[in-house]
Amino acid sequence: MNLGAFSVSLSVSDIKASRDFYTKLGFEEIGGDIEQNWLILRNREHVIGLFQGMFEKNTLTFNPGWNQQCGEIEPYDDVRDIQRQLKAAGVELVQEADESGSGPASCVVVDPDGNPVLIDQHR
């Protein structure tokens, strides 16, 4: 199963303070909208998302169909196929993608320590 690009989605209390902190660590804004309380930052191959008021907890995020530079890859495993594989393996989903759909969709599982894992397909 190919989960695609990996990033950490951070639940932040002050997105401007968080952006300022992470830019001091060498991260640069590559996407998002600070007025909508979300930003995507990159430092070489490392990607983090800053989300104010959108997630309860920090979340591991995978993007099927993308590489670490947000470029599309082919072939890729559709989120619905990944979801079916997870179900077949006995993994409980807390949010499911509509398996009859196509295109952008997401599903969420929670690891044994309570960490959310978001599989978020954008295409």
PDB file of N, CA and C in Angstrom:
ATOM      1  N   MET A   1       0.852  -1.168   0.000  1.00  0.00           N
ATOM      2  CA  MET A   1       0.000   0.000   0.000  1.00  0.00           C
ATOM      3  C   MET A   1       0.899   1.232   0.000  1.00  0.00           C
ATOM      4  N   ASN A   2       0.680   2.133  -0.951  1.00  0.00           N
ATOM      5  CA  ASN A   2       1.442   3.371  -1.046  1.00  0.00           C
ATOM      6  C   ASN A   2       0.578   4.511  -0.536  1.00  0.00           C
ATOM      7  N   LEU A   3       0.958   5.075   0.613  1.00  0.00           N
ATOM      8  CA  LEU A   3       0.169   6.132   1.240  1.00  0.00           C
ATOM      9  C   LEU A   3       0.465   7.522   0.678  1.00  0.00           C
ATOM     10  N   GLY A   4       1.506   7.655  -0.122  1.00  0.00           N
ATOM     11  CA  GLY A   4       1.833   8.955  -0.715  1.00  0.00           C
ATOM     12  C   GLY A   4       2.686   9.820   0.190  1.00  0.00           C
ATOM     13  N   ALA A   5       2.608  11.116  -0.024  1.00  0.00           N
ATOM     14  CA  ALA A   5       3.419  12.083   0.723  1.00  0.00           C
ATOM     15  C   ALA A   5       3.047  12.064   2.201  1.00  0.00           C
ATOM     16  N   PHE A   6       4.029  12.343   3.049  1.00  0.00           N
ATOM     17  CA  PHE A   6       3.820  12.368   4.493  1.00  0.00           C
ATOM     18  C   PHE A   6       4.059  13.762   5.036  1.00  0.00           C
ATOM     19  N   SER A   7       3.209  14.170   5.975  1.00  0.00           N
ATOM     20  CA  SER A   7       3.415  15.409   6.713  1.00  0.00           C
ATOM     21  C   SER A   7       2.801  15.263   8.095  1.00  0.00           C
ATOM     22  N   VAL A   8       3.110  16.207   8.942  1.00  0.00           N
ATOM     23  CA  VAL A   8       2.484  16.270  10.260  1.00  0.00           C
ATOM     24  C   VAL A   8       1.601  17.507  10.277  1.00  0.00           C
ATOM     25  N   SER A   9       0.333  17.307  10.623  1.00  0.00           N
ATOM     26  CA  SER A   9      -0.613  18.409  10.748  1.00  0.00           C
ATOM     27  C   SER A   9      -0.682  18.802  12.212  1.00  0.00           C
ATOM     28  N   LEU A  10      -0.210  20.007  12.513  1.00  0.00           N
ATOM     29  CA  LEU A  10      -0.138  20.463  13.896  1.00  0.00           C
ATOM     30  C   LEU A  10      -1.356  21.301  14.255  1.00  0.00           C
ATOM     31  N   SER A  11      -1.971  20.973  15.369  1.00  0.00           N
ATOM     32  CA  SER A  11      -3.071  21.755  15.915  1.00  0.00           C
ATOM     33  C   SER A  11      -2.436  22.879  16.735  1.00  0.00           C
ATOM     34  N   VAL A  12      -2.553  24.107  16.259  1.00  0.00           N
ATOM     35  CA  VAL A  12      -1.868  25.229  16.901  1.00  0.00           C
ATOM     36  C   VAL A  12      -2.877  26.200  17.506  1.00  0.00           C
ATOM     37  N   SER A  13      -2.448  26.903  18.545  1.00  0.00           N
ATOM     38  CA  SER A  13      -3.336  27.867  19.205  1.00  0.00           C
ATOM     39  C   SER A  13      -3.196  29.268  18.619  1.00  0.00           C
ATOM     40  N   ASP A  14      -2.052  29.578  18.019  1.00  0.00           N
ATOM     41  CA  ASP A  14      -1.816  30.893  17.414  1.00  0.00           C
ATOM     42  C   ASP A  14      -1.018  30.669  16.135  1.00  0.00           C
ATOM     43  N   ILE A  15      -1.710  30.666  15.010  1.00  0.00           N
ATOM     44  CA  ILE A  15      -1.067  30.300  13.747  1.00  0.00           C
ATOM     45  C   ILE A  15       0.052  31.259  13.356  1.00  0.00           C
ATOM     46  N   LYS A  16      -0.100  32.545  13.672  1.00  0.00           N
ATOM     47  CA  LYS A  16       0.953  33.506  13.320  1.00  0.00           C
ATOM     48  C   LYS A  16       2.214  33.258  14.147  1.00  0.00           C
ATOM     49  N   ALA A  17       2.055  32.986  15.440  1.00  0.00           N
ATOM     50  CA  ALA A  17       3.215  32.681  16.287  1.00  0.00           C
ATOM     51  C   ALA A  17       3.881  31.380  15.836  1.00  0.00           C
ATOM     52  N   SER A  18       3.059  30.385  15.468  1.00  0.00           N
ATOM     53  CA  SER A  18       3.612  29.112  14.999  1.00  0.00           C
ATOM     54  C   SER A  18       4.341  29.288  13.673  1.00  0.00           C
ATOM     55  N   ARG A  19       3.748  30.049  12.751  1.00  0.00           N
ATOM     56  CA  ARG A  19       4.426  30.313  11.474  1.00  0.00           C
ATOM     57  C   ARG A  19       5.773  30.988  11.721  1.00  0.00           C
ATOM     58  N   ASP A  20       5.785  31.991  12.581  1.00  0.00           N
ATOM     59  CA  ASP A  20       7.032  32.702  12.868  1.00  0.00           C
ATOM     60  C   ASP A  20       8.077  31.762  13.470  1.00  0.00           C
ATOM     61  N   PHE A  21       7.670  30.894  14.375  1.00  0.00           N
ATOM     62  CA  PHE A  21       8.587  29.942  14.986  1.00  0.00           C
ATOM     63  C   PHE A  21       9.177  28.994  13.937  1.00  0.00           C
ATOM     64  N   TYR A  22       8.315  28.378  13.121  1.00  0.00           N
ATOM     65  CA  TYR A  22       8.802  27.383  12.163  1.00  0.00           C
ATOM     66  C   TYR A  22       9.610  28.009  11.031  1.00  0.00           C
ATOM     67  N   THR A  23       9.352  29.267  10.683  1.00  0.00           N
ATOM     68  CA  THR A  23      10.196  29.907   9.666  1.00  0.00           C
ATOM     69  C   THR A  23      11.614  30.123  10.223  1.00  0.00           C
ATOM     70  N   LYS A  24      11.732  30.318  11.525  1.00  0.00           N
ATOM     71  CA  LYS A  24      13.060  30.433  12.146  1.00  0.00           C
ATOM     72  C   LYS A  24      13.811  29.110  12.092  1.00  0.00           C
ATOM     73  N   LEU A  25      13.072  27.994  11.954  1.00  0.00           N
ATOM     74  CA  LEU A  25      13.703  26.678  11.812  1.00  0.00           C
ATOM     75  C   LEU A  25      13.980  26.346  10.343  1.00  0.00           C
ATOM     76  N   GLY A  26      13.740  27.292   9.447  1.00  0.00           N
ATOM     77  CA  GLY A  26      14.037  27.086   8.039  1.00  0.00           C
ATOM     78  C   GLY A  26      12.863  26.649   7.183  1.00  0.00           C
ATOM     79  N   PHE A  27      11.659  26.590   7.732  1.00  0.00           N
ATOM     80  CA  PHE A  27      10.489  26.241   6.942  1.00  0.00           C
ATOM     81  C   PHE A  27      10.007  27.453   6.155  1.00  0.00           C
ATOM     82  N   GLU A  28       9.472  27.185   4.965  1.00  0.00           N
ATOM     83  CA  GLU A  28       8.921  28.238   4.106  1.00  0.00           C
ATOM     84  C   GLU A  28       7.476  27.901   3.778  1.00  0.00           C
ATOM     85  N   GLU A  29       6.644  28.932   3.681  1.00  0.00           N
ATOM     86  CA  GLU A  29       5.243  28.726   3.310  1.00  0.00           C
ATOM     87  C   GLU A  29       5.164  28.248   1.869  1.00  0.00           C
ATOM     88  N   ILE A  30       4.383  27.185   1.645  1.00  0.00           N
ATOM     89  CA  ILE A  30       4.184  26.701   0.276  1.00  0.00           C
ATOM     90  C   ILE A  30       2.708  26.603  -0.082  1.00  0.00           C
ATOM     91  N   GLY A  31       1.836  26.844   0.879  1.00  0.00           N
ATOM     92  CA  GLY A  31       0.408  26.763   0.594  1.00  0.00           C
ATOM     93  C   GLY A  31      -0.414  27.149   1.793  1.00  0.00           C
ATOM     94  N   GLY A  32      -1.709  27.181   1.570  1.00  0.00           N
ATOM     95  CA  GLY A  32      -2.628  27.497   2.639  1.00  0.00           C
ATOM     96  C   GLY A  32      -3.081  28.934   2.599  1.00  0.00           C
ATOM     97  N   ASP A  33      -3.772  29.345   3.648  1.00  0.00           N
ATOM     98  CA  ASP A  33      -4.320  30.693   3.756  1.00  0.00           C
ATOM     99  C   ASP A  33      -4.383  31.044   5.231  1.00  0.00           C
ATOM    100  N   ILE A  34      -3.520  31.937   5.660  1.00  0.00           N
ATOM    101  CA  ILE A  34      -3.470  32.290   7.084  1.00  0.00           C
ATOM    102  C   ILE A  34      -4.786  32.897   7.554  1.00  0.00           C
ATOM    103  N   GLU A  35      -5.518  33.555   6.660  1.00  0.00           N
ATOM    104  CA  GLU A  35      -6.810  34.135   7.031  1.00  0.00           C
ATOM    105  C   GLU A  35      -7.856  33.056   7.274  1.00  0.00           C
ATOM    106  N   GLN A  36      -7.648  31.864   6.708  1.00  0.00           N
ATOM    107  CA  GLN A  36      -8.531  30.720   6.958  1.00  0.00           C
ATOM    108  C   GLN A  36      -7.955  29.800   8.036  1.00  0.00           C
ATOM    109  N   ASN A  37      -6.864  30.234   8.660  1.00  0.00           N
ATOM    110  CA  ASN A  37      -6.223  29.527   9.784  1.00  0.00           C
ATOM    111  C   ASN A  37      -5.564  28.208   9.409  1.00  0.00           C
ATOM    112  N   TRP A  38      -4.976  28.150   8.199  1.00  0.00           N
ATOM    113  CA  TRP A  38      -4.185  26.965   7.857  1.00  0.00           C
ATOM    114  C   TRP A  38      -3.059  27.351   6.906  1.00  0.00           C
ATOM    115  N   LEU A  39      -1.898  26.743   7.126  1.00  0.00           N
ATOM    116  CA  LEU A  39      -0.715  26.953   6.286  1.00  0.00           C
ATOM    117  C   LEU A  39       0.018  25.629   6.107  1.00  0.00           C
ATOM    118  N   ILE A  40       0.670  25.488   4.967  1.00  0.00           N
ATOM    119  CA  ILE A  40       1.551  24.353   4.716  1.00  0.00           C
ATOM    120  C   ILE A  40       2.961  24.913   4.581  1.00  0.00           C
ATOM    121  N   LEU A  41       3.897  24.313   5.306  1.00  0.00           N
ATOM    122  CA  LEU A  41       5.290  24.761   5.321  1.00  0.00           C
ATOM    123  C   LEU A  41       6.206  23.608   4.931  1.00  0.00           C
ATOM    124  N   ARG A  42       7.315  23.949   4.281  1.00  0.00           N
ATOM    125  CA  ARG A  42       8.276  22.918   3.888  1.00  0.00           C
ATOM    126  C   ARG A  42       9.689  23.376   4.222  1.00  0.00           C
ATOM    127  N   ASN A  43      10.484  22.412   4.666  1.00  0.00           N
ATOM    128  CA  ASN A  43      11.921  22.569   4.818  1.00  0.00           C
ATOM    129  C   ASN A  43      12.528  21.365   4.118  1.00  0.00           C
ATOM    130  N   ARG A  44      12.956  21.569   2.875  1.00  0.00           N
ATOM    131  CA  ARG A  44      13.462  20.500   2.013  1.00  0.00           C
ATOM    132  C   ARG A  44      12.405  19.432   1.827  1.00  0.00           C
ATOM    133  N   GLU A  45      12.634  18.205   2.325  1.00  0.00           N
ATOM    134  CA  GLU A  45      11.657  17.120   2.168  1.00  0.00           C
ATOM    135  C   GLU A  45      10.623  17.079   3.293  1.00  0.00           C
ATOM    136  N   HIS A  46      10.795  17.912   4.300  1.00  0.00           N
ATOM    137  CA  HIS A  46       9.935  17.863   5.486  1.00  0.00           C
ATOM    138  C   HIS A  46       8.773  18.838   5.334  1.00  0.00           C
ATOM    139  N   VAL A  47       7.560  18.330   5.541  1.00  0.00           N
ATOM    140  CA  VAL A  47       6.359  19.145   5.374  1.00  0.00           C
ATOM    141  C   VAL A  47       5.545  19.102   6.651  1.00  0.00           C
ATOM    142  N   ILE A  48       5.104  20.287   7.090  1.00  0.00           N
ATOM    143  CA  ILE A  48       4.186  20.376   8.216  1.00  0.00           C
ATOM    144  C   ILE A  48       3.019  21.267   7.814  1.00  0.00           C
ATOM    145  N   GLY A  49       1.880  20.983   8.401  1.00  0.00           N
ATOM    146  CA  GLY A  49       0.722  21.845   8.244  1.00  0.00           C
ATOM    147  C   GLY A  49       0.415  22.473   9.586  1.00  0.00           C
ATOM    148  N   LEU A  50       0.064  23.749   9.566  1.00  0.00           N
ATOM    149  CA  LEU A  50      -0.357  24.443  10.782  1.00  0.00           C
ATOM    150  C   LEU A  50      -1.856  24.689  10.658  1.00  0.00           C
ATOM    151  N   PHE A  51      -2.618  24.231  11.628  1.00  0.00           N
ATOM    152  CA  PHE A  51      -4.073  24.328  11.578  1.00  0.00           C
ATOM    153  C   PHE A  51      -4.584  24.859  12.912  1.00  0.00           C
ATOM    154  N   GLN A  52      -5.170  26.042  12.877  1.00  0.00           N
ATOM    155  CA  GLN A  52      -5.726  26.639  14.088  1.00  0.00           C
ATOM    156  C   GLN A  52      -7.233  26.417  14.108  1.00  0.00           C
ATOM    157  N   GLY A  53      -7.705  25.687  15.134  1.00  0.00           N
ATOM    158  CA  GLY A  53      -9.132  25.465  15.298  1.00  0.00           C
ATOM    159  C   GLY A  53      -9.728  24.425  14.373  1.00  0.00           C
ATOM    160  N   MET A  54      -8.915  23.598  13.722  1.00  0.00           N
ATOM    161  CA  MET A  54      -9.425  22.614  12.772  1.00  0.00           C
ATOM    162  C   MET A  54      -9.270  21.177  13.250  1.00  0.00           C
ATOM    163  N   PHE A  55      -8.232  20.897  14.007  1.00  0.00           N
ATOM    164  CA  PHE A  55      -7.974  19.557  14.519  1.00  0.00           C
ATOM    165  C   PHE A  55      -7.889  19.625  16.037  1.00  0.00           C
ATOM    166  N   GLU A  56      -8.371  18.575  16.704  1.00  0.00           N
ATOM    167  CA  GLU A  56      -8.224  18.514  18.154  1.00  0.00           C
ATOM    168  C   GLU A  56      -6.811  18.146  18.562  1.00  0.00           C
ATOM    169  N   LYS A  57      -6.179  17.266  17.764  1.00  0.00           N
ATOM    170  CA  LYS A  57      -4.853  16.750  18.101  1.00  0.00           C
ATOM    171  C   LYS A  57      -3.936  16.880  16.892  1.00  0.00           C
ATOM    172  N   ASN A  58      -2.646  16.844  17.162  1.00  0.00           N
ATOM    173  CA  ASN A  58      -1.685  16.735  16.069  1.00  0.00           C
ATOM    174  C   ASN A  58      -1.986  15.441  15.323  1.00  0.00           C
ATOM    175  N   THR A  59      -1.833  15.466  14.007  1.00  0.00           N
ATOM    176  CA  THR A  59      -2.268  14.358  13.170  1.00  0.00           C
ATOM    177  C   THR A  59      -1.193  13.990  12.163  1.00  0.00           C
ATOM    178  N   LEU A  60      -0.942  12.681  12.007  1.00  0.00           N
ATOM    179  CA  LEU A  60      -0.071  12.197  10.934  1.00  0.00           C
ATOM    180  C   LEU A  60      -0.904  12.226   9.662  1.00  0.00           C
ATOM    181  N   THR A  61      -0.359  12.791   8.603  1.00  0.00           N
ATOM    182  CA  THR A  61      -1.130  12.959   7.369  1.00  0.00           C
ATOM    183  C   THR A  61      -0.392  12.343   6.186  1.00  0.00           C
ATOM    184  N   PHE A  62      -1.132  11.592   5.381  1.00  0.00           N
ATOM    185  CA  PHE A  62      -0.617  11.009   4.146  1.00  0.00           C
ATOM    186  C   PHE A  62      -1.498  11.470   2.999  1.00  0.00           C
ATOM    187  N   ASN A  63      -0.873  11.763   1.858  1.00  0.00           N
ATOM    188  CA  ASN A  63      -1.598  12.233   0.677  1.00  0.00           C
ATOM    189  C   ASN A  63      -1.349  11.311  -0.509  1.00  0.00           C
ATOM    190  N   PRO A  64      -2.256  10.338  -0.725  1.00  0.00           N
ATOM    191  CA  PRO A  64      -2.111   9.463  -1.890  1.00  0.00           C
ATOM    192  C   PRO A  64      -2.095  10.271  -3.183  1.00  0.00           C
ATOM    193  N   GLY A  65      -1.219   9.858  -4.100  1.00  0.00           N
ATOM    194  CA  GLY A  65      -1.134  10.531  -5.397  1.00  0.00           C
ATOM    195  C   GLY A  65      -0.175  11.707  -5.436  1.00  0.00           C
ATOM    196  N   TRP A  66       0.457  12.019  -4.297  1.00  0.00           N
ATOM    197  CA  TRP A  66       1.407  13.134  -4.232  1.00  0.00           C
ATOM    198  C   TRP A  66       2.769  12.643  -3.775  1.00  0.00           C
ATOM    199  N   ASN A  67       3.818  13.346  -4.238  1.00  0.00           N
ATOM    200  CA  ASN A  67       5.148  13.154  -3.680  1.00  0.00           C
ATOM    201  C   ASN A  67       5.390  14.252  -2.640  1.00  0.00           C
ATOM    202  N   GLN A  68       6.569  14.294  -2.043  1.00  0.00           N
ATOM    203  CA  GLN A  68       6.856  15.263  -0.985  1.00  0.00           C
ATOM    204  C   GLN A  68       6.865  16.710  -1.466  1.00  0.00           C
ATOM    205  N   GLN A  69       6.932  16.936  -2.774  1.00  0.00           N
ATOM    206  CA  GLN A  69       6.890  18.298  -3.301  1.00  0.00           C
ATOM    207  C   GLN A  69       5.484  18.671  -3.783  1.00  0.00           C
ATOM    208  N   CYS A  70       4.489  17.882  -3.409  1.00  0.00           N
ATOM    209  CA  CYS A  70       3.085  18.080  -3.811  1.00  0.00           C
ATOM    210  C   CYS A  70       2.896  17.900  -5.309  1.00  0.00           C
ATOM    211  N   GLY A  71       3.800  17.163  -5.936  1.00  0.00           N
ATOM    212  CA  GLY A  71       3.657  16.822  -7.343  1.00  0.00           C
ATOM    213  C   GLY A  71       2.890  15.522  -7.482  1.00  0.00           C
ATOM    214  N   GLU A  72       2.097  15.435  -8.526  1.00  0.00           N
ATOM    215  CA  GLU A  72       1.309  14.227  -8.749  1.00  0.00           C
ATOM    216  C   GLU A  72       2.205  13.075  -9.173  1.00  0.00           C
ATOM    217  N   ILE A  73       1.872  11.869  -8.682  1.00  0.00           N
ATOM    218  CA  ILE A  73       2.596  10.665  -9.061  1.00  0.00           C
ATOM    219  C   ILE A  73       1.626   9.686  -9.702  1.00  0.00           C
ATOM    220  N   GLU A  74       2.139   8.895 -10.588  1.00  0.00           N
ATOM    221  CA  GLU A  74       1.368   7.828 -11.244  1.00  0.00           C
ATOM    222  C   GLU A  74       2.227   6.575 -11.253  1.00  0.00           C
ATOM    223  N   PRO A  75       1.690   5.440 -11.071  1.00  0.00           N
ATOM    224  CA  PRO A  75       0.348   5.214 -10.547  1.00  0.00           C
ATOM    225  C   PRO A  75       0.335   5.506  -9.055  1.00  0.00           C
ATOM    226  N   TYR A  76      -0.869   5.554  -8.493  1.00  0.00           N
ATOM    227  CA  TYR A  76      -0.991   5.733  -7.048  1.00  0.00           C
ATOM    228  C   TYR A  76      -2.183   4.930  -6.538  1.00  0.00           C
ATOM    229  N   ASP A  77      -2.174   4.649  -5.235  1.00  0.00           N
ATOM    230  CA  ASP A  77      -3.257   3.910  -4.602  1.00  0.00           C
ATOM    231  C   ASP A  77      -4.338   4.891  -4.180  1.00  0.00           C
ATOM    232  N   ASP A  78      -5.538   4.741  -4.734  1.00  0.00           N
ATOM    233  CA  ASP A  78      -6.662   5.595  -4.392  1.00  0.00           C
ATOM    234  C   ASP A  78      -7.038   5.391  -2.920  1.00  0.00           C
ATOM    235  N   VAL A  79      -7.465   6.458  -2.260  1.00  0.00           N
ATOM    236  CA  VAL A  79      -7.815   6.386  -0.845  1.00  0.00           C
ATOM    237  C   VAL A  79      -8.877   5.321  -0.575  1.00  0.00           C
ATOM    238  N   ARG A  80      -9.786   5.111  -1.521  1.00  0.00           N
ATOM    239  CA  ARG A  80     -10.827   4.103  -1.317  1.00  0.00           C
ATOM    240  C   ARG A  80     -10.242   2.691  -1.333  1.00  0.00           C
ATOM    241  N   ASP A  81      -9.222   2.469  -2.178  1.00  0.00           N
ATOM    242  CA  ASP A  81      -8.530   1.175  -2.194  1.00  0.00           C
ATOM    243  C   ASP A  81      -7.752   0.969  -0.894  1.00  0.00           C
ATOM    244  N   ILE A  82      -7.095   2.028  -0.432  1.00  0.00           N
ATOM    245  CA  ILE A  82      -6.371   1.949   0.842  1.00  0.00           C
ATOM    246  C   ILE A  82      -7.345   1.642   1.971  1.00  0.00           C
ATOM    247  N   GLN A  83      -8.472   2.309   1.959  1.00  0.00           N
ATOM    248  CA  GLN A  83      -9.490   2.088   2.983  1.00  0.00           C
ATOM    249  C   GLN A  83      -9.968   0.639   2.996  1.00  0.00           C
ATOM    250  N   ARG A  84     -10.211   0.079   1.817  1.00  0.00           N
ATOM    251  CA  ARG A  84     -10.636  -1.322   1.736  1.00  0.00           C
ATOM    252  C   ARG A  84      -9.559  -2.255   2.299  1.00  0.00           C
ATOM    253  N   GLN A  85      -8.285  -1.957   1.995  1.00  0.00           N
ATOM    254  CA  GLN A  85      -7.184  -2.779   2.511  1.00  0.00           C
ATOM    255  C   GLN A  85      -7.102  -2.685   4.037  1.00  0.00           C
ATOM    256  N   LEU A  86      -7.301  -1.490   4.554  1.00  0.00           N
ATOM    257  CA  LEU A  86      -7.264  -1.315   6.010  1.00  0.00           C
ATOM    258  C   LEU A  86      -8.397  -2.093   6.683  1.00  0.00           C
ATOM    259  N   LYS A  87      -9.583  -2.006   6.117  1.00  0.00           N
ATOM    260  CA  LYS A  87     -10.722  -2.754   6.673  1.00  0.00           C
ATOM    261  C   LYS A  87     -10.457  -4.255   6.629  1.00  0.00           C
ATOM    262  N   ALA A  88      -9.908  -4.727   5.513  1.00  0.00           N
ATOM    263  CA  ALA A  88      -9.617  -6.159   5.370  1.00  0.00           C
ATOM    264  C   ALA A  88      -8.578  -6.618   6.393  1.00  0.00           C
ATOM    265  N   ALA A  89      -7.702  -5.699   6.797  1.00  0.00           N
ATOM    266  CA  ALA A  89      -6.678  -6.020   7.789  1.00  0.00           C
ATOM    267  C   ALA A  89      -7.202  -5.876   9.218  1.00  0.00           C
ATOM    268  N   GLY A  90      -8.471  -5.502   9.364  1.00  0.00           N
ATOM    269  CA  GLY A  90      -9.064  -5.373  10.686  1.00  0.00           C
ATOM    270  C   GLY A  90      -8.829  -4.040  11.358  1.00  0.00           C
ATOM    271  N   VAL A  91      -8.405  -3.024  10.598  1.00  0.00           N
ATOM    272  CA  VAL A  91      -8.177  -1.693  11.160  1.00  0.00           C
ATOM    273  C   VAL A  91      -9.516  -0.951  11.202  1.00  0.00           C
ATOM    274  N   GLU A  92      -9.846  -0.406  12.366  1.00  0.00           N
ATOM    275  CA  GLU A  92     -11.093   0.339  12.518  1.00  0.00           C
ATOM    276  C   GLU A  92     -10.920   1.762  12.015  1.00  0.00           C
ATOM    277  N   LEU A  93     -11.845   2.200  11.188  1.00  0.00           N
ATOM    278  CA  LEU A  93     -11.824   3.565  10.676  1.00  0.00           C
ATOM    279  C   LEU A  93     -12.762   4.429  11.508  1.00  0.00           C
ATOM    280  N   VAL A  94     -12.318   5.640  11.844  1.00  0.00           N
ATOM    281  CA  VAL A  94     -13.181   6.561  12.586  1.00  0.00           C
ATOM    282  C   VAL A  94     -13.850   7.560  11.645  1.00  0.00           C
ATOM    283  N   GLN A  95     -13.332   7.646  10.435  1.00  0.00           N
ATOM    284  CA  GLN A  95     -13.956   8.438   9.363  1.00  0.00           C
ATOM    285  C   GLN A  95     -13.682   7.694   8.070  1.00  0.00           C
ATOM    286  N   GLU A  96     -14.717   7.548   7.235  1.00  0.00           N
ATOM    287  CA  GLU A  96     -14.563   6.782   6.002  1.00  0.00           C
ATOM    288  C   GLU A  96     -14.837   7.638   4.771  1.00  0.00           C
ATOM    289  N   ALA A  97     -14.129   7.303   3.697  1.00  0.00           N
ATOM    290  CA  ALA A  97     -14.405   7.889   2.386  1.00  0.00           C
ATOM    291  C   ALA A  97     -15.580   7.134   1.775  1.00  0.00           C
ATOM    292  N   ASP A  98     -16.362   7.821   0.958  1.00  0.00           N
ATOM    293  CA  ASP A  98     -17.463   7.193   0.235  1.00  0.00           C
ATOM    294  C   ASP A  98     -16.860   6.292  -0.832  1.00  0.00           C
ATOM    295  N   GLU A  99     -17.013   4.985  -0.664  1.00  0.00           N
ATOM    296  CA  GLU A  99     -16.374   4.041  -1.575  1.00  0.00           C
ATOM    297  C   GLU A  99     -16.996   4.034  -2.966  1.00  0.00           C
ATOM    298  N   SER A 100     -18.157   4.635  -3.136  1.00  0.00           N
ATOM    299  CA  SER A 100     -18.772   4.688  -4.464  1.00  0.00           C
ATOM    300  C   SER A 100     -18.326   5.924  -5.235  1.00  0.00           C
ATOM    301  N   GLY A 101     -17.583   6.812  -4.582  1.00  0.00           N
ATOM    302  CA  GLY A 101     -17.140   8.048  -5.218  1.00  0.00           C
ATOM    303  C   GLY A 101     -15.815   7.904  -5.930  1.00  0.00           C
ATOM    304  N   SER A 102     -15.318   9.031  -6.415  1.00  0.00           N
ATOM    305  CA  SER A 102     -13.993   9.106  -7.030  1.00  0.00           C
ATOM    306  C   SER A 102     -13.436  10.497  -6.759  1.00  0.00           C
ATOM    307  N   GLY A 103     -12.150  10.656  -6.995  1.00  0.00           N
ATOM    308  CA  GLY A 103     -11.531  11.955  -6.769  1.00  0.00           C
ATOM    309  C   GLY A 103     -11.198  12.197  -5.312  1.00  0.00           C
ATOM    310  N   PRO A 104     -11.137  13.482  -4.913  1.00  0.00           N
ATOM    311  CA  PRO A 104     -10.740  13.820  -3.551  1.00  0.00           C
ATOM    312  C   PRO A 104     -11.626  13.157  -2.493  1.00  0.00           C
ATOM    313  N   ALA A 105     -10.972  12.632  -1.452  1.00  0.00           N
ATOM    314  CA  ALA A 105     -11.669  12.002  -0.338  1.00  0.00           C
ATOM    315  C   ALA A 105     -10.653  11.719   0.759  1.00  0.00           C
ATOM    316  N   SER A 106     -11.161  11.372   1.942  1.00  0.00           N
ATOM    317  CA  SER A 106     -10.247  11.067   3.043  1.00  0.00           C
ATOM    318  C   SER A 106     -10.868  10.041   3.978  1.00  0.00           C
ATOM    319  N   CYS A 107      -9.985   9.424   4.742  1.00  0.00           N
ATOM    320  CA  CYS A 107     -10.405   8.533   5.817  1.00  0.00           C
ATOM    321  C   CYS A 107      -9.428   8.732   6.970  1.00  0.00           C
ATOM    322  N   VAL A 108      -9.868   8.321   8.156  1.00  0.00           N
ATOM    323  CA  VAL A 108      -9.053   8.505   9.357  1.00  0.00           C
ATOM    324  C   VAL A 108      -9.070   7.227  10.178  1.00  0.00           C
ATOM    325  N   VAL A 109      -7.886   6.843  10.648  1.00  0.00           N
ATOM    326  CA  VAL A 109      -7.730   5.764  11.613  1.00  0.00           C
ATOM    327  C   VAL A 109      -7.008   6.354  12.825  1.00  0.00           C
ATOM    328  N   VAL A 110      -7.041   5.635  13.926  1.00  0.00           N
ATOM    329  CA  VAL A 110      -6.361   6.086  15.137  1.00  0.00           C
ATOM    330  C   VAL A 110      -5.412   4.978  15.573  1.00  0.00           C
ATOM    331  N   ASP A 111      -4.149   5.341  15.828  1.00  0.00           N
ATOM    332  CA  ASP A 111      -3.174   4.322  16.218  1.00  0.00           C
ATOM    333  C   ASP A 111      -3.399   3.898  17.673  1.00  0.00           C
ATOM    334  N   PRO A 112      -2.706   2.865  18.142  1.00  0.00           N
ATOM    335  CA  PRO A 112      -2.941   2.345  19.492  1.00  0.00           C
ATOM    336  C   PRO A 112      -2.715   3.364  20.609  1.00  0.00           C
ATOM    337  N   ASP A 113      -1.972   4.433  20.329  1.00  0.00           N
ATOM    338  CA  ASP A 113      -1.728   5.461  21.339  1.00  0.00           C
ATOM    339  C   ASP A 113      -2.657   6.654  21.216  1.00  0.00           C
ATOM    340  N   GLY A 114      -3.658   6.553  20.331  1.00  0.00           N
ATOM    341  CA  GLY A 114      -4.639   7.629  20.191  1.00  0.00           C
ATOM    342  C   GLY A 114      -4.275   8.705  19.192  1.00  0.00           C
ATOM    343  N   ASN A 115      -3.217   8.486  18.402  1.00  0.00           N
ATOM    344  CA  ASN A 115      -2.807   9.467  17.401  1.00  0.00           C
ATOM    345  C   ASN A 115      -3.633   9.303  16.130  1.00  0.00           C
ATOM    346  N   PRO A 116      -4.307  10.362  15.674  1.00  0.00           N
ATOM    347  CA  PRO A 116      -5.052  10.270  14.422  1.00  0.00           C
ATOM    348  C   PRO A 116      -4.105  10.150  13.232  1.00  0.00           C
ATOM    349  N   VAL A 117      -4.510   9.328  12.267  1.00  0.00           N
ATOM    350  CA  VAL A 117      -3.782   9.172  11.015  1.00  0.00           C
ATOM    351  C   VAL A 117      -4.784   9.489   9.900  1.00  0.00           C
ATOM    352  N   LEU A 118      -4.553  10.596   9.219  1.00  0.00           N
ATOM    353  CA  LEU A 118      -5.424  11.076   8.153  1.00  0.00           C
ATOM    354  C   LEU A 118      -4.844  10.666   6.807  1.00  0.00           C
ATOM    355  N   ILE A 119      -5.647  10.004   5.997  1.00  0.00           N
ATOM    356  CA  ILE A 119      -5.261   9.670   4.627  1.00  0.00           C
ATOM    357  C   ILE A 119      -6.139  10.540   3.745  1.00  0.00           C
ATOM    358  N   ASP A 120      -5.534  11.588   3.190  1.00  0.00           N
ATOM    359  CA  ASP A 120      -6.246  12.703   2.564  1.00  0.00           C
ATOM    360  C   ASP A 120      -5.831  12.854   1.111  1.00  0.00           C
ATOM    361  N   GLN A 121      -6.682  12.378   0.218  1.00  0.00           N
ATOM    362  CA  GLN A 121      -6.394  12.427  -1.218  1.00  0.00           C
ATOM    363  C   GLN A 121      -6.994  13.696  -1.812  1.00  0.00           C
ATOM    364  N   HIS A 122      -6.173  14.455  -2.530  1.00  0.00           N
ATOM    365  CA  HIS A 122      -6.603  15.739  -3.093  1.00  0.00           C
ATOM    366  C   HIS A 122      -6.987  15.696  -4.560  1.00  0.00           C
ATOM    367  N   ARG A 123      -6.830  14.536  -5.201  1.00  0.00           N
ATOM    368  CA  ARG A 123      -7.127  14.477  -6.641  1.00  0.00           C
ATOM    369  C   ARG A 123      -8.007  13.319  -7.001  1.00  0.00           C
TER     370      ARG A 123
END
